[in-house]
Protein backbone atom coordinates (compact mmCIF):
# COMPACT_ATOMS: atom_id res chain seq x y z
CA MET A 1 -10.90 33.28 -0.29
CA ASN A 2 -7.56 33.27 1.21
CA GLN A 3 -7.04 29.59 2.66
CA SER A 4 -4.78 29.38 5.88
CA PRO A 5 -1.35 27.36 5.71
CA LYS A 6 -3.39 25.01 8.01
CA TRP A 7 -4.77 23.27 5.09
CA GLN A 8 -1.20 22.43 3.93
CA VAL A 9 -0.19 20.72 7.02
CA SER A 10 -3.27 18.76 7.11
CA VAL A 11 -2.91 17.36 3.70
CA ALA A 12 0.89 17.28 4.37
CA ALA A 13 -0.13 14.77 7.11
CA VAL A 14 -2.66 12.82 5.06
CA LEU A 15 -0.12 12.30 2.14
CA ASP A 16 2.68 11.40 5.04
CA VAL A 17 0.20 8.79 6.61
CA ILE A 18 -0.73 6.83 3.26
CA ARG A 19 2.95 6.84 2.03
CA LYS A 20 4.09 5.10 5.43
CA TYR A 21 0.97 2.61 5.01
CA HIS A 22 1.97 2.07 1.53
CA GLU A 23 5.63 1.48 2.59
CA ALA A 24 4.41 -0.74 5.26
CA LEU A 25 2.24 -2.70 2.73
CA HIS A 26 5.07 -3.26 0.57
CA GLU A 27 7.12 -4.39 3.44
CA ALA A 28 4.49 -6.88 4.52
CA THR A 29 4.31 -8.37 0.89
CA ALA A 30 8.22 -8.65 0.96
CA MET A 31 8.11 -10.87 4.29
CA THR A 32 5.05 -12.86 2.73
CA TYR A 33 7.42 -13.91 -0.33
CA ALA A 34 10.27 -14.24 2.28
CA LEU A 35 8.06 -16.50 4.47
CA ARG A 36 7.13 -18.69 1.67
CA ASN A 37 10.44 -19.10 0.35
CA THR A 38 11.72 -20.12 3.87
CA LEU A 39 8.86 -22.75 4.34
CA LYS A 40 9.98 -24.04 1.03
CA GLU A 41 13.56 -24.59 2.46
CA LEU A 42 12.55 -25.72 5.81
CA ASP A 43 9.74 -28.31 4.89
CA PRO A 44 7.44 -28.82 2.15
CA SER A 45 4.71 -29.85 4.21
CA PHE A 46 4.79 -26.40 5.69
CA GLU A 47 4.71 -24.54 2.36
CA GLN A 48 1.78 -26.82 1.28
CA VAL A 49 -0.01 -25.47 4.36
CA PHE A 50 1.00 -21.99 3.72
CA GLN A 51 0.27 -21.92 0.13
CA ARG A 52 -3.47 -22.59 0.49
CA ASN A 53 -3.60 -19.21 2.14
CA TYR A 54 -0.82 -17.65 0.34
CA THR A 55 -2.68 -16.70 -2.82
CA ALA A 56 -5.43 -14.77 -0.44
CA ILE A 57 -2.85 -12.91 1.42
CA VAL A 58 -0.66 -11.50 -1.71
CA THR A 59 -3.89 -10.69 -3.17
CA GLU A 60 -5.08 -8.68 -0.25
CA LEU A 61 -1.75 -6.78 0.11
CA SER A 62 -1.76 -6.19 -3.52
CA ASP A 63 -4.97 -4.41 -3.90
CA ALA A 64 -4.32 -2.48 -0.34
CA ASN A 65 -1.11 -1.56 -2.12
CA HIS A 66 -2.91 -0.60 -5.37
CA LEU A 67 -5.32 1.80 -3.22
CA SER A 68 -2.61 3.40 -1.46
CA LEU A 69 -0.91 4.46 -4.29
CA HIS A 70 -3.72 5.79 -6.49
CA MET A 71 -4.78 7.88 -3.00
CA LEU A 72 -1.44 9.38 -2.94
CA GLU A 73 -1.53 10.23 -6.84
CA LYS A 74 -5.12 11.31 -6.75
CA ILE A 75 -4.33 13.66 -4.10
CA ALA A 76 -1.41 14.64 -5.53
CA GLY A 77 -3.36 15.27 -8.96
CA GLN A 78 -6.25 17.46 -7.18
CA LEU A 79 -3.68 19.90 -5.27
CA ARG A 80 -2.06 20.21 -8.96
CA ASP A 81 -5.57 20.89 -10.53
CA ASP A 82 -4.99 17.84 -12.71
CA PRO A 83 -8.25 17.37 -15.06
CA THR A 84 -7.39 13.84 -15.19
CA TRP A 85 -8.10 13.32 -11.38
CA LYS A 86 -11.54 14.98 -11.28
CA ASP A 87 -14.11 12.84 -10.05
């Protein structure tokens, strides 16, 4: 069965979207760290309020970041017929 090159364009588009999502998550994580550090310098009381949610925010960002990286690696592995990525 000959597959048309359209599937390659579709896969490339999906990989590009996931890569951009991964980059956005990384940027959001960096901004979260910067916000925490800025709040510490401005007013410790702001930092204390932020800290209540900081752990949850960073955990969610980290989980999403790991998932997006896993999806990129899995798709790349499947395209290479890498047996370690077979489900």
